[in-house]
């Protein structure tokens, strides 16, 4: 075998050398292209990983931003703004939470002044958004424009009655009388019976002579009745 190779070398030296060189070149080119493909795949994978990481980070930032916005909106919905005036040390607009009481608002305004008259206000009152509160001084009446916001039971009743039409005691039927605050079926029937027995009412004060109509009931409806 070795002798045969030597014979071929003596007969075709250039051909053998060319064949070896060709094989080496073919191997080199193949190795080059394989390395290029491997580098390209690695580069693509790296780009995909970087893009995926960037998108993931961006999504995470968006999620965090949305969460903060939602929390901020929820917190804002729980807050209200009220304006306190009059005899407090620092009057002004304050941000409060839901179900806040007037007593806590006064404390938030650094407390009442020495001449504040807290007997004229309801310290247990629950505050609502955009409310205006006036704390009067001693020997001072709450200004008329603040009476509707410094509410007591009496002012609430009056506001409710203002929304109703005036009821004429001499022409009203039972349905009309039942619209009056504190007047139920029995009191309405008593009013009609009194009118039937005594004739028309001469004035609204005469209503107190009807059985079941006392001072408390009369005070609630006196502003919405007539004769």
Protein backbone atom coordinates (compact mmCIF):
# COMPACT_ATOMS: atom_id res chain seq x y z
CA UNK A 1 0.00 0.00 0.00
CA UNK A 2 2.78 2.36 0.97
CA UNK A 3 4.71 1.45 -2.23
CA UNK A 4 1.63 2.24 -4.31
CA UNK A 5 1.29 5.69 -2.72
CA UNK A 6 4.97 6.37 -3.40
CA UNK A 7 4.48 5.38 -7.03
CA UNK A 8 1.53 7.72 -7.37
CA UNK A 9 3.49 10.52 -5.76
CA UNK A 10 6.34 10.04 -8.24
CA UNK A 11 3.89 9.93 -11.16
CA UNK A 12 1.40 12.67 -10.09
CA UNK A 13 2.99 14.89 -7.44
CA UNK A 14 1.21 18.07 -8.50
CA UNK A 15 -2.18 16.36 -8.65
CA UNK A 16 -1.83 14.99 -5.13
CA UNK A 17 -0.65 18.32 -3.77
CA UNK A 18 -3.59 20.08 -5.47
CA UNK A 19 -6.01 17.54 -4.00
CA UNK A 20 -4.68 18.01 -0.48
CA UNK A 21 -4.82 21.79 -0.83
CA UNK A 22 -8.38 21.57 -2.22
CA UNK A 23 -9.48 19.42 0.73
CA UNK A 24 -7.92 21.86 3.17
CA UNK A 25 -9.60 24.80 1.44
CA UNK A 26 -12.96 23.01 1.41
CA UNK A 27 -12.62 22.18 5.09
CA UNK A 28 -11.61 25.78 5.90
CA UNK A 29 -14.56 27.28 4.00
CA UNK A 30 -16.99 24.89 5.66
CA UNK A 31 -15.59 25.65 9.09
CA UNK A 32 -15.87 29.41 8.37
CA UNK A 33 -19.54 29.24 7.36
CA UNK A 34 -20.40 27.04 10.33
CA UNK A 35 -18.82 29.56 12.71
CA UNK A 36 -20.69 32.42 11.00
CA UNK A 37 -24.00 30.61 11.45
CA UNK A 38 -23.25 29.92 15.11
CA UNK A 39 -22.32 33.59 15.70
CA UNK A 40 -25.48 34.74 13.93
CA UNK A 41 -27.67 32.43 16.03
CA UNK A 42 -26.01 33.62 19.22
CA UNK A 43 -26.49 37.25 18.18
CA UNK A 44 -30.18 36.65 17.38
CA UNK A 45 -30.75 34.90 20.70
CA UNK A 46 -29.02 37.74 22.53
CA UNK A 47 -31.19 40.32 20.75
CA UNK A 48 -34.34 38.35 21.52
CA UNK A 49 -33.33 38.07 25.17
CA UNK A 50 -32.56 41.80 25.36
CA UNK A 51 -35.85 42.73 23.66
CA UNK A 52 -37.81 40.37 25.88
CA UNK A 53 -36.11 41.78 28.96
CA UNK A 54 -36.82 45.36 27.80
CA UNK A 55 -40.50 44.59 27.13
CA UNK A 56 -40.81 42.79 30.44
CA UNK A 57 -39.29 45.74 32.28
CA UNK A 58 -41.53 48.18 30.39
CA UNK A 59 -44.64 46.13 31.22
CA UNK A 60 -43.59 46.02 34.83
CA UNK A 61 -43.16 49.81 34.90
CA UNK A 62 -46.59 50.30 33.25
CA UNK A 63 -48.19 47.94 35.78
CA UNK A 64 -46.59 49.80 38.68
CA UNK A 65 -47.66 53.16 37.22
CA UNK A 66 -51.25 51.95 36.76
CA UNK A 67 -51.32 50.58 40.29
CA UNK A 68 -50.11 53.91 41.68
CA UNK A 69 -52.72 55.80 39.64
CA UNK A 70 -55.51 53.49 40.83
CA UNK A 71 -54.39 53.86 44.44
CA UNK A 72 -54.22 57.63 44.01
CA UNK A 73 -57.73 57.75 42.50
CA UNK A 74 -59.16 55.57 45.28
CA UNK A 75 -57.48 57.71 47.92
CA UNK A 76 -58.78 60.87 46.25
CA UNK A 77 -62.31 59.45 46.25
CA UNK A 78 -62.05 58.87 49.99
CA UNK A 79 -61.02 62.49 50.61
CA UNK A 80 -63.26 65.55 50.80
CA UNK A 81 -62.58 69.27 51.10
CA UNK A 82 -64.39 71.51 53.57
CA UNK A 83 -64.11 75.21 54.41
CA UNK A 84 -64.17 76.26 58.07
CA UNK A 85 -64.62 79.92 58.99
CA UNK A 86 -65.16 82.03 62.06
CA UNK A 87 -63.78 81.52 65.54
CA UNK A 88 -61.01 78.99 64.91
CA UNK A 89 -57.29 79.65 65.11
CA UNK A 90 -56.57 78.75 61.51
CA UNK A 91 -59.66 79.04 59.28
CA UNK A 92 -59.40 77.75 55.74
CA UNK A 93 -59.96 74.79 53.43
CA UNK A 94 -58.97 71.35 54.78
CA UNK A 95 -58.76 67.91 53.20
CA UNK A 96 -60.60 65.35 55.30
CA UNK A 97 -61.48 61.68 55.06
CA UNK A 98 -64.92 60.13 54.80
CA UNK A 99 -67.18 60.32 57.89
CA UNK A 100 -65.08 63.12 59.43
CA UNK A 101 -66.71 64.91 62.38
CA UNK A 102 -66.89 68.65 63.04
CA UNK A 103 -65.03 68.24 66.33
CA UNK A 104 -62.06 66.71 64.47
CA UNK A 105 -62.15 69.48 61.86
CA UNK A 106 -61.94 72.15 64.57
CA UNK A 107 -58.92 70.35 66.02
CA UNK A 108 -57.41 70.23 62.51
CA UNK A 109 -57.84 74.01 62.37
CA UNK A 110 -55.71 74.26 65.56
CA UNK A 111 -58.76 74.50 67.82
CA UNK A 112 -61.32 77.18 68.63
CA UNK A 113 -60.44 80.70 69.69
CA UNK A 114 -61.02 81.79 73.30
CA UNK A 115 -64.24 83.58 72.40
CA UNK A 116 -65.72 80.75 70.27
CA UNK A 117 -69.25 79.63 71.13
CA UNK A 118 -69.31 75.87 70.47
CA UNK A 119 -72.79 75.55 71.97
CA UNK A 120 -74.28 76.81 68.71
CA UNK A 121 -72.78 74.05 66.57
CA UNK A 122 -73.13 70.28 66.46
CA UNK A 123 -69.67 68.87 67.17
CA UNK A 124 -70.81 65.36 66.23
CA UNK A 125 -71.93 66.46 62.77
CA UNK A 126 -70.62 64.34 59.88
CA UNK A 127 -69.01 66.51 57.21
CA UNK A 128 -69.43 66.18 53.45
CA UNK A 129 -67.46 67.45 50.48
CA UNK A 130 -67.60 71.22 49.74
CA UNK A 131 -69.30 72.01 53.05
CA UNK A 132 -68.79 75.44 54.63
CA UNK A 133 -68.74 75.53 58.43
CA UNK A 134 -68.97 78.72 60.49
CA UNK A 135 -67.95 78.74 64.15
CA UNK A 136 -69.62 81.74 65.85
CA UNK A 137 -68.18 83.88 68.63
CA UNK A 138 -69.91 84.31 71.97
CA UNK A 139 -72.99 86.54 71.74
CA UNK A 140 -72.86 86.22 67.95
CA UNK A 141 -75.57 84.65 65.83
CA UNK A 142 -74.55 82.41 62.95
CA UNK A 143 -74.92 84.46 59.73
CA UNK A 144 -77.93 83.50 57.63
CA UNK A 145 -75.82 82.26 54.73
CA UNK A 146 -74.25 79.62 56.97
CA UNK A 147 -77.43 78.35 58.63
CA UNK A 148 -78.00 75.79 55.89
CA UNK A 149 -74.58 74.20 56.41
CA UNK A 150 -74.40 74.36 60.22
CA UNK A 151 -77.37 72.02 60.33
CA UNK A 152 -79.35 71.05 63.40
CA UNK A 153 -82.48 68.93 63.55
CA UNK A 154 -84.59 72.06 63.28
CA UNK A 155 -82.88 73.38 60.18
CA UNK A 156 -83.07 69.96 58.50
CA UNK A 157 -86.80 69.86 59.12
CA UNK A 158 -87.25 73.38 57.78
CA UNK A 159 -85.23 72.56 54.64
CA UNK A 160 -87.33 69.46 54.07
CA UNK A 161 -90.56 71.42 54.48
CA UNK A 162 -89.41 74.13 52.07
CA UNK A 163 -89.39 71.57 49.29
CA UNK A 164 -93.11 70.93 49.89
CA UNK A 165 -95.98 73.16 48.79
CA UNK A 166 -98.05 75.17 51.28
CA UNK A 167 -101.03 73.18 52.58
CA UNK A 168 -104.28 75.08 53.22
CA UNK A 169 -105.89 73.62 56.35
CA UNK A 170 -109.38 74.62 55.17
CA UNK A 171 -109.21 72.93 51.76
CA UNK A 172 -106.73 70.08 52.27
CA UNK A 173 -107.86 66.46 52.01
CA UNK A 174 -106.32 63.54 53.85
CA UNK A 175 -103.67 62.93 51.16
CA UNK A 176 -102.55 66.55 51.39
CA UNK A 177 -102.31 66.42 55.18
CA UNK A 178 -100.25 63.22 55.05
CA UNK A 179 -97.49 65.11 53.22
CA UNK A 180 -96.86 67.18 56.35
CA UNK A 181 -93.94 66.15 58.56
CA UNK A 182 -95.11 64.25 61.62
CA UNK A 183 -98.73 63.91 60.44
CA UNK A 184 -99.87 60.33 60.03
CA UNK A 185 -103.30 58.86 59.16
CA UNK A 186 -104.72 59.31 62.68
CA UNK A 187 -103.65 62.98 62.96
CA UNK A 188 -104.88 63.72 59.43
CA UNK A 189 -108.29 62.20 60.30
CA UNK A 190 -108.40 64.24 63.53
CA UNK A 191 -107.76 67.46 61.58
CA UNK A 192 -110.58 66.68 59.12
CA UNK A 193 -112.95 65.78 61.95
CA UNK A 194 -112.13 69.02 63.79
CA UNK A 195 -112.81 71.04 60.64
CA UNK A 196 -116.12 69.22 60.14
CA UNK A 197 -117.22 69.87 63.72
CA UNK A 198 -115.92 73.45 64.17
CA UNK A 199 -115.88 74.81 60.66
CA UNK A 200 -112.89 76.40 58.94
CA UNK A 201 -109.69 77.27 60.81
CA UNK A 202 -109.37 80.98 61.62
CA UNK A 203 -105.57 80.83 61.91
CA UNK A 204 -102.83 78.18 61.87
CA UNK A 205 -102.40 78.35 65.68
CA UNK A 206 -105.89 76.87 66.00
CA UNK A 207 -104.41 73.62 64.67
CA UNK A 208 -102.91 73.01 68.14
CA UNK A 209 -106.44 72.51 69.45
CA UNK A 210 -106.76 69.35 67.36
CA UNK A 211 -106.26 66.15 69.35
CA UNK A 212 -102.75 64.77 68.80
CA UNK A 213 -101.23 68.02 67.45
CA UNK A 214 -98.77 69.29 70.04
CA UNK A 215 -96.16 72.04 70.04
CA UNK A 216 -93.47 69.77 68.60
CA UNK A 217 -95.57 68.70 65.61
CA UNK A 218 -96.83 72.25 65.09
CA UNK A 219 -93.28 73.67 65.02
CA UNK A 220 -92.33 71.21 62.28
CA UNK A 221 -95.19 72.17 59.94
CA UNK A 222 -96.05 75.80 60.78
CA UNK A 223 -93.98 77.11 57.87
CA UNK A 224 -95.82 75.03 55.27
CA UNK A 225 -99.47 75.45 56.34
CA UNK A 226 -101.97 78.28 55.82
CA UNK A 227 -105.69 79.07 56.20
